[in-house]
Amino acid sequence: MFNTLILSLPTRNSTLRMRVWRALKECGAAVLRDGVYLLPRHESGAFTRLEKEIRSHGGFALIFDATPLAETDQAALRARFDRTADYAGLIARVSTTKASLARLGPRRGLTALRRIEQALEKLTRVDFFPGEAKQQAAAALASLKQRYGELYARNEPRPSMKGLRPLAREQYRKRIWATRKAPWVDRLASAWLIKRFIDRDAKFVWIARPSECPKKAVGFDYDGAEFTHVKNRVTFEVLAAAFGLEHDPALARIGAAVHFLDVGGIPVAEANGLETMLKGAKEKSPGDDALLAEAMRTFDLLYSGYRAAAPAA
């Protein structure tokens, strides 16, 4: 059931000591005593990697099975991985954030919510014997998301349950495209996708409410728009799927970041950087047209970077 790692590090190699300490903390190893660490057997791949690194630097490392015969002793070792106190701290953090959401505002509130999401995901990765505390933390986070939605997401489009069908780009050339004022990640990314891949002559108008949409304009990212959230996909992903673009690996990576920033879900490494760049664009832009112009450059660079990093076919 368990594996134990016994180690002794070279005293003068402070860099190695820091790397080993961080790796043990990251993988959720329990400390039995100084230099003796424990992990469930199915998670002990981290020990194998550490053993190799420690030995390559002249240290001592040994992994062996540590499953006791007595059930009571097994229970005692499982108790070493009890994350109840960590979950309690996270729940307290949720409570504090929930109480301050109105003061934080939509952007800072969303940032706080995302950080708590990431903290919970990180904690659950090392919760090898989950119990009621995990469920309580998940419920607290769900309550925080609901409160945020009540305060700030009233104008966000509600997901449609309709199916997606392939569309011809030729029918969407030289069109006017309409979306909500003060565009943010999904609307900016969708406008970039439209301009670069669907309708290079697209013109954009920013509306305060759906009734303001020009008669022949193509609406996107609002309730009742031709293109909006569908099931679990945000508008960017819907547009990519509708126009046969979802198999482009670079667009798929941008879509994953946009999805995370717009509705949460699986964290994406580049998402925070993208959000920071767009925040900077918003700060320096006097209006929505200027903001889109800045965002276009950001998404152009991101797309080029993803294309360059993609493996050759």
C-alpha atoms as a PDB file:
ATOM      1  CA  MET A   1       0.000   0.000   0.000  1.00  0.00           C
ATOM      2  CA  PHE A   2       2.865   2.397   0.774  1.00  0.00           C
ATOM      3  CA  ASN A   3       6.425   3.071  -0.341  1.00  0.00           C
ATOM      4  CA  THR A   4       9.058   4.763   1.770  1.00  0.00           C
ATOM      5  CA  LEU A   5      11.946   6.920   0.612  1.00  0.00           C
ATOM      6  CA  ILE A   6      14.993   7.198   2.874  1.00  0.00           C
ATOM      7  CA  LEU A   7      17.441   9.884   1.835  1.00  0.00           C
ATOM      8  CA  SER A   8      20.569  11.661   2.899  1.00  0.00           C
ATOM      9  CA  LEU A   9      21.722  14.689   0.924  1.00  0.00           C
ATOM     10  CA  PRO A  10      25.196  16.189   0.450  1.00  0.00           C
ATOM     11  CA  THR A  11      25.505  18.899   3.064  1.00  0.00           C
ATOM     12  CA  ARG A  12      27.052  21.487   0.746  1.00  0.00           C
ATOM     13  CA  ASN A  13      24.555  21.209  -2.108  1.00  0.00           C
ATOM     14  CA  SER A  14      21.882  23.711  -1.030  1.00  0.00           C
ATOM     15  CA  THR A  15      20.348  23.808  -4.524  1.00  0.00           C
ATOM     16  CA  LEU A  16      19.708  20.063  -4.462  1.00  0.00           C
ATOM     17  CA  ARG A  17      18.258  20.284  -0.951  1.00  0.00           C
ATOM     18  CA  MET A  18      15.792  22.963  -2.081  1.00  0.00           C
ATOM     19  CA  ARG A  19      14.765  21.005  -5.196  1.00  0.00           C
ATOM     20  CA  VAL A  20      14.202  17.829  -3.179  1.00  0.00           C
ATOM     21  CA  TRP A  21      12.209  19.704  -0.531  1.00  0.00           C
ATOM     22  CA  ARG A  22       9.982  21.305  -3.143  1.00  0.00           C
ATOM     23  CA  ALA A  23       9.466  18.016  -4.979  1.00  0.00           C
ATOM     24  CA  LEU A  24       8.475  16.220  -1.769  1.00  0.00           C
ATOM     25  CA  LYS A  25       6.032  18.986  -0.903  1.00  0.00           C
ATOM     26  CA  GLU A  26       4.587  19.070  -4.428  1.00  0.00           C
ATOM     27  CA  CYS A  27       3.938  15.322  -4.581  1.00  0.00           C
ATOM     28  CA  GLY A  28       2.276  15.298  -1.150  1.00  0.00           C
ATOM     29  CA  ALA A  29       4.744  13.006   0.632  1.00  0.00           C
ATOM     30  CA  ALA A  30       4.196  12.486   4.350  1.00  0.00           C
ATOM     31  CA  VAL A  31       7.134  12.906   6.743  1.00  0.00           C
ATOM     32  CA  LEU A  32       7.771   9.944   9.032  1.00  0.00           C
ATOM     33  CA  ARG A  33      10.921  11.453  10.484  1.00  0.00           C
ATOM     34  CA  ASP A  34      13.862  13.505   9.219  1.00  0.00           C
ATOM     35  CA  GLY A  35      14.998  11.935   5.948  1.00  0.00           C
ATOM     36  CA  VAL A  36      12.161   9.380   5.817  1.00  0.00           C
ATOM     37  CA  TYR A  37       9.134  10.022   3.595  1.00  0.00           C
ATOM     38  CA  LEU A  38       5.993   8.105   2.697  1.00  0.00           C
ATOM     39  CA  LEU A  39       3.688   7.920  -0.344  1.00  0.00           C
ATOM     40  CA  PRO A  40       0.935   5.532  -1.446  1.00  0.00           C
ATOM     41  CA  ARG A  41       2.512   2.973  -3.759  1.00  0.00           C
ATOM     42  CA  HIS A  42       0.541   4.093  -6.804  1.00  0.00           C
ATOM     43  CA  GLU A  43       1.886   7.650  -6.356  1.00  0.00           C
ATOM     44  CA  SER A  44       5.531   6.754  -5.723  1.00  0.00           C
ATOM     45  CA  GLY A  45       6.787   7.572  -9.217  1.00  0.00           C
ATOM     46  CA  ALA A  46       7.922  10.861  -7.687  1.00  0.00           C
ATOM     47  CA  PHE A  47      10.145   8.893  -5.321  1.00  0.00           C
ATOM     48  CA  THR A  48      11.766   7.061  -8.241  1.00  0.00           C
ATOM     49  CA  ARG A  49      12.633  10.351  -9.932  1.00  0.00           C
ATOM     50  CA  LEU A  50      14.025  11.783  -6.700  1.00  0.00           C
ATOM     51  CA  GLU A  51      16.063   8.654  -6.015  1.00  0.00           C
ATOM     52  CA  LYS A  52      17.802   8.977  -9.387  1.00  0.00           C
ATOM     53  CA  GLU A  53      18.487  12.676  -8.941  1.00  0.00           C
ATOM     54  CA  ILE A  54      19.825  12.327  -5.394  1.00  0.00           C
ATOM     55  CA  ARG A  55      22.167   9.479  -6.351  1.00  0.00           C
ATOM     56  CA  SER A  56      23.411  11.379  -9.407  1.00  0.00           C
ATOM     57  CA  HIS A  57      24.542  14.168  -7.056  1.00  0.00           C
ATOM     58  CA  GLY A  58      26.354  11.842  -4.666  1.00  0.00           C
ATOM     59  CA  GLY A  59      23.595  11.499  -2.075  1.00  0.00           C
ATOM     60  CA  PHE A  60      21.979   8.405  -0.628  1.00  0.00           C
ATOM     61  CA  ALA A  61      18.430   7.358  -1.525  1.00  0.00           C
ATOM     62  CA  LEU A  62      16.589   4.094  -1.068  1.00  0.00           C
ATOM     63  CA  ILE A  63      12.958   3.149  -1.802  1.00  0.00           C
ATOM     64  CA  PHE A  64      11.296   0.145  -0.213  1.00  0.00           C
ATOM     65  CA  ASP A  65       7.846  -1.227   0.520  1.00  0.00           C
ATOM     66  CA  ALA A  66       6.429  -0.035   3.843  1.00  0.00           C
ATOM     67  CA  THR A  67       3.038  -1.672   4.118  1.00  0.00           C
ATOM     68  CA  PRO A  68       2.537  -2.799   7.735  1.00  0.00           C
ATOM     69  CA  LEU A  69       0.837  -6.100   8.486  1.00  0.00           C
ATOM     70  CA  ALA A  70      -1.582  -4.759  11.098  1.00  0.00           C
ATOM     71  CA  GLU A  71      -4.648  -2.915   9.857  1.00  0.00           C
ATOM     72  CA  THR A  72      -4.354  -0.447  12.725  1.00  0.00           C
ATOM     73  CA  ASP A  73      -0.863   0.482  11.594  1.00  0.00           C
ATOM     74  CA  GLN A  74      -2.089   0.898   8.014  1.00  0.00           C
ATOM     75  CA  ALA A  75      -4.768   3.257   9.303  1.00  0.00           C
ATOM     76  CA  ALA A  76      -2.133   5.205  11.215  1.00  0.00           C
ATOM     77  CA  LEU A  77      -0.105   5.671   8.037  1.00  0.00           C
ATOM     78  CA  ARG A  78      -3.195   6.745   6.081  1.00  0.00           C
ATOM     79  CA  ALA A  79      -3.827   9.324   8.786  1.00  0.00           C
ATOM     80  CA  ARG A  80      -0.485  10.914   7.883  1.00  0.00           C
ATOM     81  CA  PHE A  81      -2.179  12.083   4.669  1.00  0.00           C
ATOM     82  CA  ASP A  82      -5.211  13.647   6.329  1.00  0.00           C
ATOM     83  CA  ARG A  83      -5.899  16.921   4.488  1.00  0.00           C
ATOM     84  CA  THR A  84      -8.793  18.069   6.698  1.00  0.00           C
ATOM     85  CA  ALA A  85      -6.891  21.055   8.084  1.00  0.00           C
ATOM     86  CA  ASP A  86      -5.877  22.135   4.563  1.00  0.00           C
ATOM     87  CA  TYR A  87      -9.481  21.932   3.363  1.00  0.00           C
ATOM     88  CA  ALA A  88     -10.614  23.889   6.429  1.00  0.00           C
ATOM     89  CA  GLY A  89      -8.153  26.654   5.570  1.00  0.00           C
ATOM     90  CA  LEU A  90      -9.403  26.722   1.996  1.00  0.00           C
ATOM     91  CA  ILE A  91     -13.043  26.870   3.119  1.00  0.00           C
ATOM     92  CA  ALA A  92     -12.180  29.812   5.381  1.00  0.00           C
ATOM     93  CA  ARG A  93     -10.538  31.498   2.394  1.00  0.00           C
ATOM     94  CA  VAL A  94     -13.684  30.918   0.336  1.00  0.00           C
ATOM     95  CA  SER A  95     -15.787  32.472   3.083  1.00  0.00           C
ATOM     96  CA  THR A  96     -13.578  35.568   3.269  1.00  0.00           C
ATOM     97  CA  THR A  97     -13.577  35.983  -0.515  1.00  0.00           C
ATOM     98  CA  LYS A  98     -17.331  35.531  -0.728  1.00  0.00           C
ATOM     99  CA  ALA A  99     -17.873  38.263   1.847  1.00  0.00           C
ATOM    100  CA  SER A 100     -15.621  40.688  -0.067  1.00  0.00           C
ATOM    101  CA  LEU A 101     -16.799  39.980  -3.636  1.00  0.00           C
ATOM    102  CA  ALA A 102     -18.869  43.153  -3.888  1.00  0.00           C
ATOM    103  CA  ARG A 103     -15.880  45.240  -2.820  1.00  0.00           C
ATOM    104  CA  LEU A 104     -13.417  43.435  -5.080  1.00  0.00           C
ATOM    105  CA  GLY A 105     -15.413  44.025  -8.268  1.00  0.00           C
ATOM    106  CA  PRO A 106     -15.767  41.646 -11.233  1.00  0.00           C
ATOM    107  CA  ARG A 107     -12.139  41.406 -12.330  1.00  0.00           C
ATOM    108  CA  ARG A 108     -10.431  41.121  -8.965  1.00  0.00           C
ATOM    109  CA  GLY A 109     -13.261  38.917  -7.753  1.00  0.00           C
ATOM    110  CA  LEU A 110     -12.795  36.569 -10.709  1.00  0.00           C
ATOM    111  CA  THR A 111      -9.053  36.473 -10.087  1.00  0.00           C
ATOM    112  CA  ALA A 112      -9.648  35.541  -6.446  1.00  0.00           C
ATOM    113  CA  LEU A 113     -12.134  32.858  -7.478  1.00  0.00           C
ATOM    114  CA  ARG A 114      -9.714  31.374 -10.019  1.00  0.00           C
ATOM    115  CA  ARG A 115      -6.909  31.242  -7.461  1.00  0.00           C
ATOM    116  CA  ILE A 116      -9.133  29.344  -5.061  1.00  0.00           C
ATOM    117  CA  GLU A 117     -10.101  26.965  -7.875  1.00  0.00           C
ATOM    118  CA  GLN A 118      -6.445  26.305  -8.582  1.00  0.00           C
ATOM    119  CA  ALA A 119      -5.675  25.830  -4.882  1.00  0.00           C
ATOM    120  CA  LEU A 120      -8.477  23.275  -4.553  1.00  0.00           C
ATOM    121  CA  GLU A 121      -7.295  21.393  -7.655  1.00  0.00           C
ATOM    122  CA  LYS A 122      -3.742  21.322  -6.280  1.00  0.00           C
ATOM    123  CA  LEU A 123      -4.957  20.065  -2.918  1.00  0.00           C
ATOM    124  CA  THR A 124      -7.134  17.327  -4.385  1.00  0.00           C
ATOM    125  CA  ARG A 125      -4.147  16.031  -6.379  1.00  0.00           C
ATOM    126  CA  VAL A 126      -2.400  15.124  -3.118  1.00  0.00           C
ATOM    127  CA  ASP A 127      -5.533  14.027  -1.260  1.00  0.00           C
ATOM    128  CA  PHE A 128      -4.900  10.314  -1.629  1.00  0.00           C
ATOM    129  CA  PHE A 129      -7.658   9.245   0.780  1.00  0.00           C
ATOM    130  CA  PRO A 130     -10.432  11.811   0.209  1.00  0.00           C
ATOM    131  CA  GLY A 131     -13.354  12.119   2.567  1.00  0.00           C
ATOM    132  CA  GLU A 132     -16.082  14.531   3.597  1.00  0.00           C
ATOM    133  CA  ALA A 133     -13.723  17.513   3.838  1.00  0.00           C
ATOM    134  CA  LYS A 134     -13.131  17.439   0.087  1.00  0.00           C
ATOM    135  CA  GLN A 135     -16.889  17.469  -0.572  1.00  0.00           C
ATOM    136  CA  GLN A 136     -17.352  20.389   1.828  1.00  0.00           C
ATOM    137  CA  ALA A 137     -14.636  22.392   0.058  1.00  0.00           C
ATOM    138  CA  ALA A 138     -16.158  21.674  -3.354  1.00  0.00           C
ATOM    139  CA  ALA A 139     -19.563  22.788  -2.084  1.00  0.00           C
ATOM    140  CA  ALA A 140     -18.059  25.989  -0.659  1.00  0.00           C
ATOM    141  CA  LEU A 141     -16.407  26.772  -3.991  1.00  0.00           C
ATOM    142  CA  ALA A 142     -19.665  26.123  -5.846  1.00  0.00           C
ATOM    143  CA  SER A 143     -21.384  28.583  -3.506  1.00  0.00           C
ATOM    144  CA  LEU A 144     -18.689  31.179  -4.206  1.00  0.00           C
ATOM    145  CA  LYS A 145     -19.141  30.728  -7.970  1.00  0.00           C
ATOM    146  CA  GLN A 146     -22.886  31.125  -7.599  1.00  0.00           C
ATOM    147  CA  ARG A 147     -22.450  34.340  -5.609  1.00  0.00           C
ATOM    148  CA  TYR A 148     -20.044  35.712  -8.207  1.00  0.00           C
ATOM    149  CA  GLY A 149     -22.564  34.905 -10.927  1.00  0.00           C
ATOM    150  CA  GLU A 150     -25.315  36.704  -9.022  1.00  0.00           C
ATOM    151  CA  LEU A 151     -23.165  39.824  -8.720  1.00  0.00           C
ATOM    152  CA  TYR A 152     -21.372  40.010 -12.029  1.00  0.00           C
ATOM    153  CA  ALA A 153     -22.429  37.446 -14.620  1.00  0.00           C
ATOM    154  CA  ARG A 154     -25.981  38.595 -15.243  1.00  0.00           C
ATOM    155  CA  ASN A 155     -25.133  39.741 -18.756  1.00  0.00           C
ATOM    156  CA  GLU A 156     -23.146  36.654 -19.692  1.00  0.00           C
ATOM    157  CA  PRO A 157     -24.833  34.471 -22.312  1.00  0.00           C
ATOM    158  CA  ARG A 158     -26.614  31.384 -21.091  1.00  0.00           C
ATOM    159  CA  PRO A 159     -25.399  28.230 -22.844  1.00  0.00           C
ATOM    160  CA  SER A 160     -27.617  27.022 -25.660  1.00  0.00           C
ATOM    161  CA  MET A 161     -28.439  23.337 -25.984  1.00  0.00           C
ATOM    162  CA  LYS A 162     -28.678  23.426 -29.783  1.00  0.00           C
ATOM    163  CA  GLY A 163     -26.437  21.269 -31.923  1.00  0.00           C
ATOM    164  CA  LEU A 164     -23.591  22.607 -34.023  1.00  0.00           C
ATOM    165  CA  ARG A 165     -23.640  22.329 -37.807  1.00  0.00           C
ATOM    166  CA  PRO A 166     -20.857  23.103 -40.290  1.00  0.00           C
ATOM    167  CA  LEU A 167     -21.140  26.472 -42.047  1.00  0.00           C
ATOM    168  CA  ALA A 168     -19.594  27.849 -45.240  1.00  0.00           C
ATOM    169  CA  ARG A 169     -17.329  30.815 -44.718  1.00  0.00           C
ATOM    170  CA  GLU A 170     -18.394  32.226 -48.080  1.00  0.00           C
ATOM    171  CA  GLN A 171     -21.806  33.054 -46.592  1.00  0.00           C
ATOM    172  CA  TYR A 172     -20.190  35.189 -43.875  1.00  0.00           C
ATOM    173  CA  ARG A 173     -17.917  37.434 -45.925  1.00  0.00           C
ATOM    174  CA  LYS A 174     -17.963  41.251 -45.702  1.00  0.00           C
ATOM    175  CA  ARG A 175     -20.471  41.194 -42.869  1.00  0.00           C
ATOM    176  CA  ILE A 176     -21.135  43.376 -39.857  1.00  0.00           C
ATOM    177  CA  TRP A 177     -20.614  41.455 -36.609  1.00  0.00           C
ATOM    178  CA  ALA A 178     -22.251  42.632 -33.392  1.00  0.00           C
ATOM    179  CA  THR A 179     -21.442  41.823 -29.791  1.00  0.00           C
ATOM    180  CA  ARG A 180     -21.718  43.388 -26.358  1.00  0.00           C
ATOM    181  CA  LYS A 181     -19.863  46.545 -25.380  1.00  0.00           C
ATOM    182  CA  ALA A 182     -16.718  46.423 -23.235  1.00  0.00           C
ATOM    183  CA  PRO A 183     -15.536  43.152 -24.800  1.00  0.00           C
ATOM    184  CA  TRP A 184     -13.405  40.836 -22.748  1.00  0.00           C
ATOM    185  CA  VAL A 185     -11.574  37.549 -23.344  1.00  0.00           C
ATOM    186  CA  ASP A 186     -14.152  35.439 -25.215  1.00  0.00           C
ATOM    187  CA  ARG A 187     -15.515  38.337 -27.290  1.00  0.00           C
ATOM    188  CA  LEU A 188     -12.036  39.654 -28.109  1.00  0.00           C
ATOM    189  CA  ALA A 189     -10.775  36.204 -29.055  1.00  0.00           C
ATOM    190  CA  SER A 190     -13.906  35.549 -31.115  1.00  0.00           C
ATOM    191  CA  ALA A 191     -13.520  38.852 -32.977  1.00  0.00           C
ATOM    192  CA  TRP A 192      -9.878  37.978 -33.706  1.00  0.00           C
ATOM    193  CA  LEU A 193     -10.918  34.533 -34.971  1.00  0.00           C
ATOM    194  CA  ILE A 194     -13.600  36.080 -37.194  1.00  0.00           C
ATOM    195  CA  LYS A 195     -11.219  38.672 -38.657  1.00  0.00           C
ATOM    196  CA  ARG A 196      -8.300  36.322 -39.237  1.00  0.00           C
ATOM    197  CA  PHE A 197     -10.033  33.102 -40.321  1.00  0.00           C
ATOM    198  CA  ILE A 198     -13.700  33.685 -41.248  1.00  0.00           C
ATOM    199  CA  ASP A 199     -14.323  37.191 -42.572  1.00  0.00           C
ATOM    200  CA  ARG A 200     -11.208  39.264 -43.250  1.00  0.00           C
ATOM    201  CA  ASP A 201     -13.373  42.265 -44.157  1.00  0.00           C
ATOM    202  CA  ALA A 202     -15.462  42.022 -40.986  1.00  0.00           C
ATOM    203  CA  LYS A 203     -16.708  45.209 -39.323  1.00  0.00           C
ATOM    204  CA  PHE A 204     -17.599  45.152 -35.632  1.00  0.00           C
ATOM    205  CA  VAL A 205     -20.247  47.055 -33.692  1.00  0.00           C
ATOM    206  CA  TRP A 206     -20.546  47.098 -29.921  1.00  0.00           C
ATOM    207  CA  ILE A 207     -24.061  47.047 -28.487  1.00  0.00           C
ATOM    208  CA  ALA A 208     -25.471  47.558 -25.014  1.00  0.00           C
ATOM    209  CA  ARG A 209     -28.377  45.127 -25.477  1.00  0.00           C
ATOM    210  CA  PRO A 210     -29.499  42.560 -28.078  1.00  0.00           C
ATOM    211  CA  SER A 211     -32.246  44.843 -29.376  1.00  0.00           C
ATOM    212  CA  GLU A 212     -29.565  47.237 -30.647  1.00  0.00           C
ATOM    213  CA  CYS A 213     -28.107  44.675 -33.051  1.00  0.00           C
ATOM    214  CA  PRO A 214     -28.240  46.047 -36.642  1.00  0.00           C
ATOM    215  CA  LYS A 215     -30.770  44.270 -38.831  1.00  0.00           C
ATOM    216  CA  LYS A 216     -28.369  42.289 -41.038  1.00  0.00           C
ATOM    217  CA  ALA A 217     -25.509  41.984 -38.571  1.00  0.00           C
ATOM    218  CA  VAL A 218     -24.214  38.638 -37.309  1.00  0.00           C
ATOM    219  CA  GLY A 219     -24.509  38.572 -33.533  1.00  0.00           C
ATOM    220  CA  PHE A 220     -22.080  36.740 -31.265  1.00  0.00           C
ATOM    221  CA  ASP A 221     -21.628  36.110 -27.550  1.00  0.00           C
ATOM    222  CA  TYR A 222     -24.969  37.231 -26.169  1.00  0.00           C
ATOM    223  CA  ASP A 223     -28.307  35.542 -25.529  1.00  0.00           C
ATOM    224  CA  GLY A 224     -30.119  34.962 -28.813  1.00  0.00           C
ATOM    225  CA  ALA A 225     -27.052  35.652 -30.946  1.00  0.00           C
ATOM    226  CA  GLU A 226     -26.336  33.488 -33.981  1.00  0.00           C
ATOM    227  CA  PHE A 227     -23.067  32.434 -32.345  1.00  0.00           C
ATOM    228  CA  THR A 228     -22.896  32.111 -28.568  1.00  0.00           C
ATOM    229  CA  HIS A 229     -22.123  29.565 -25.851  1.00  0.00           C
ATOM    230  CA  VAL A 230     -23.336  26.075 -26.750  1.00  0.00           C
ATOM    231  CA  LYS A 231     -23.435  23.450 -24.013  1.00  0.00           C
ATOM    232  CA  ASN A 232     -19.926  23.456 -22.510  1.00  0.00           C
ATOM    233  CA  ARG A 233     -18.293  25.486 -25.309  1.00  0.00           C
ATOM    234  CA  VAL A 234     -17.627  29.211 -25.181  1.00  0.00           C
ATOM    235  CA  THR A 235     -18.266  31.372 -28.248  1.00  0.00           C
ATOM    236  CA  PHE A 236     -14.693  31.128 -29.551  1.00  0.00           C
ATOM    237  CA  GLU A 237     -14.920  27.326 -29.522  1.00  0.00           C
ATOM    238  CA  VAL A 238     -18.367  27.413 -31.159  1.00  0.00           C
ATOM    239  CA  LEU A 239     -17.098  29.601 -34.009  1.00  0.00           C
ATOM    240  CA  ALA A 240     -14.060  27.371 -34.515  1.00  0.00           C
ATOM    241  CA  ALA A 241     -16.230  24.257 -34.663  1.00  0.00           C
ATOM    242  CA  ALA A 242     -18.863  25.809 -36.930  1.00  0.00           C
ATOM    243  CA  PHE A 243     -16.306  26.920 -39.515  1.00  0.00           C
ATOM    244  CA  GLY A 244     -14.108  23.804 -39.483  1.00  0.00           C
ATOM    245  CA  LEU A 245     -11.224  25.381 -37.578  1.00  0.00           C
ATOM    246  CA  GLU A 246     -11.160  23.236 -34.444  1.00  0.00           C
ATOM    247  CA  HIS A 247      -8.522  20.856 -35.819  1.00  0.00           C
ATOM    248  CA  ASP A 248      -5.899  23.603 -35.927  1.00  0.00           C
ATOM    249  CA  PRO A 249      -3.695  22.775 -32.875  1.00  0.00           C
ATOM    250  CA  ALA A 250      -2.741  26.417 -32.298  1.00  0.00           C
ATOM    251  CA  LEU A 251      -6.382  27.531 -32.313  1.00  0.00           C
ATOM    252  CA  ALA A 252      -7.274  24.647 -30.009  1.00  0.00           C
ATOM    253  CA  ARG A 253      -4.675  25.844 -27.498  1.00  0.00           C
ATOM    254  CA  ILE A 254      -5.979  29.396 -27.667  1.00  0.00           C
ATOM    255  CA  GLY A 255      -9.499  28.027 -27.232  1.00  0.00           C
ATOM    256  CA  ALA A 256      -8.461  26.155 -24.084  1.00  0.00           C
ATOM    257  CA  ALA A 257      -7.044  29.353 -22.554  1.00  0.00           C
ATOM    258  CA  VAL A 258     -10.114  31.389 -23.550  1.00  0.00           C
ATOM    259  CA  HIS A 259     -12.416  28.711 -22.123  1.00  0.00           C
ATOM    260  CA  PHE A 260     -10.583  28.717 -18.794  1.00  0.00           C
ATOM    261  CA  LEU A 261     -10.560  32.508 -18.516  1.00  0.00           C
ATOM    262  CA  ASP A 262     -14.219  32.817 -19.492  1.00  0.00           C
ATOM    263  CA  VAL A 263     -15.925  29.997 -17.608  1.00  0.00           C
ATOM    264  CA  GLY A 264     -13.202  28.223 -15.615  1.00  0.00           C
ATOM    265  CA  GLY A 265     -12.443  24.526 -15.766  1.00  0.00           C
ATOM    266  CA  ILE A 266      -9.078  22.948 -16.502  1.00  0.00           C
ATOM    267  CA  PRO A 267      -6.261  25.442 -15.787  1.00  0.00           C
ATOM    268  CA  VAL A 268      -4.094  26.426 -18.764  1.00  0.00           C
ATOM    269  CA  ALA A 269      -0.491  27.474 -18.186  1.00  0.00           C
ATOM    270  CA  GLU A 270      -0.595  30.454 -20.564  1.00  0.00           C
ATOM    271  CA  ALA A 271      -3.988  31.749 -19.425  1.00  0.00           C
ATOM    272  CA  ASN A 272      -2.669  34.110 -16.754  1.00  0.00           C
ATOM    273  CA  GLY A 273      -0.201  35.643 -19.178  1.00  0.00           C
ATOM    274  CA  LEU A 274      -2.914  36.129 -21.793  1.00  0.00           C
ATOM    275  CA  GLU A 275      -5.196  37.733 -19.223  1.00  0.00           C
ATOM    276  CA  THR A 276      -2.414  40.089 -18.111  1.00  0.00           C
ATOM    277  CA  MET A 277      -1.702  41.157 -21.702  1.00  0.00           C
ATOM    278  CA  LEU A 278      -5.394  41.857 -22.328  1.00  0.00           C
ATOM    279  CA  LYS A 279      -5.649  43.819 -19.088  1.00  0.00           C
ATOM    280  CA  GLY A 280      -2.766  45.965 -20.269  1.00  0.00           C
ATOM    281  CA  ALA A 281      -4.494  46.462 -23.614  1.00  0.00           C
ATOM    282  CA  LYS A 282      -7.690  47.504 -21.846  1.00  0.00           C
ATOM    283  CA  GLU A 283      -5.839  50.020 -19.674  1.00  0.00           C
ATOM    284  CA  LYS A 284      -4.261  51.811 -22.646  1.00  0.00           C
ATOM    285  CA  SER A 285      -7.267  51.675 -25.005  1.00  0.00           C
ATOM    286  CA  PRO A 286      -9.699  54.625 -25.108  1.00  0.00           C
ATOM    287  CA  GLY A 287     -12.530  52.555 -26.580  1.00  0.00           C
ATOM    288  CA  ASP A 288     -13.669  49.151 -27.762  1.00  0.00           C
ATOM    289  CA  ASP A 289     -12.266  49.504 -31.304  1.00  0.00           C
ATOM    290  CA  ALA A 290      -8.843  50.403 -29.925  1.00  0.00           C
ATOM    291  CA  LEU A 291      -9.026  47.523 -27.453  1.00  0.00           C
ATOM    292  CA  LEU A 292      -9.761  45.069 -30.248  1.00  0.00           C
ATOM    293  CA  ALA A 293      -6.838  46.429 -32.289  1.00  0.00           C
ATOM    294  CA  GLU A 294      -4.493  45.774 -29.364  1.00  0.00           C
ATOM    295  CA  ALA A 295      -6.030  42.357 -28.697  1.00  0.00           C
ATOM    296  CA  MET A 296      -5.592  41.403 -32.356  1.00  0.00           C
ATOM    297  CA  ARG A 297      -1.830  41.850 -31.989  1.00  0.00           C
ATOM    298  CA  THR A 298      -1.808  39.802 -28.790  1.00  0.00           C
ATOM    299  CA  PHE A 299      -3.687  36.889 -30.340  1.00  0.00           C
ATOM    300  CA  ASP A 300      -1.572  37.100 -33.512  1.00  0.00           C
ATOM    301  CA  LEU A 301       1.575  36.634 -31.432  1.00  0.00           C
ATOM    302  CA  LEU A 302       0.040  33.853 -29.360  1.00  0.00           C
ATOM    303  CA  TYR A 303      -1.082  32.009 -32.473  1.00  0.00           C
ATOM    304  CA  SER A 304       2.355  32.374 -34.097  1.00  0.00           C
ATOM    305  CA  GLY A 305       4.029  31.102 -30.948  1.00  0.00           C
ATOM    306  CA  TYR A 306       1.783  28.063 -30.771  1.00  0.00           C
ATOM    307  CA  ARG A 307       2.323  27.357 -34.464  1.00  0.00           C
ATOM    308  CA  ALA A 308       6.092  27.535 -34.041  1.00  0.00           C
ATOM    309  CA  ALA A 309       5.980  25.182 -31.041  1.00  0.00           C
ATOM    310  CA  ALA A 310       3.775  22.623 -32.797  1.00  0.00           C
ATOM    311  CA  PRO A 311       5.546  19.395 -33.858  1.00  0.00           C
ATOM    312  CA  ALA A 312       6.176  19.048 -37.573  1.00  0.00           C
ATOM    313  CA  ALA A 313       3.574  16.969 -39.389  1.00  0.00           C
END
